[in-house]
Amino acid sequence: MEHILKLQPKYFNYINEGTKRIELRLYDEKRQKINIGDTIIFEKEPELKETLKVKVIGLLRYNSFEELFNDFSIDIMADNSMTKQELLNVLEEFYTPEKQKMYGVLGIRIEKM
């Protein structure tokens, strides 16, 4: 199955450069449809004209991003230019702690195609 997700330019570039190998999302209804072996097409915001195709090679379920961060280093979730706290702050702008508690979170292990 193929999924289309939007991505901010910085994180799009991290995947394109090969540093970001885990995409972080809320485990809501849309992301519950993602399976290992699926393809994701990331569209670079805001124009959505540049795309990047990846294959899903693993799925990591956690109760919160903070829990997930305990098991992985920043260099595969974003880039060494960020701290885990900075990334957590960005994620919580999109996915409140209440939403994380309601749905859980998903780390999508990816590899460029």
Foldseek 3Di string as FASTA:
>chain_A
DEEEEEDEPQQVVLVVVPQAFWEKDFQDPRVVPDDQQYKYWYQYPDVSPDIFIKGFHDKDWFLAVVVVCVVDAPRHRHRPVDHSVVVRVVVCVVAPNVSSNVGTMMITGIHTD
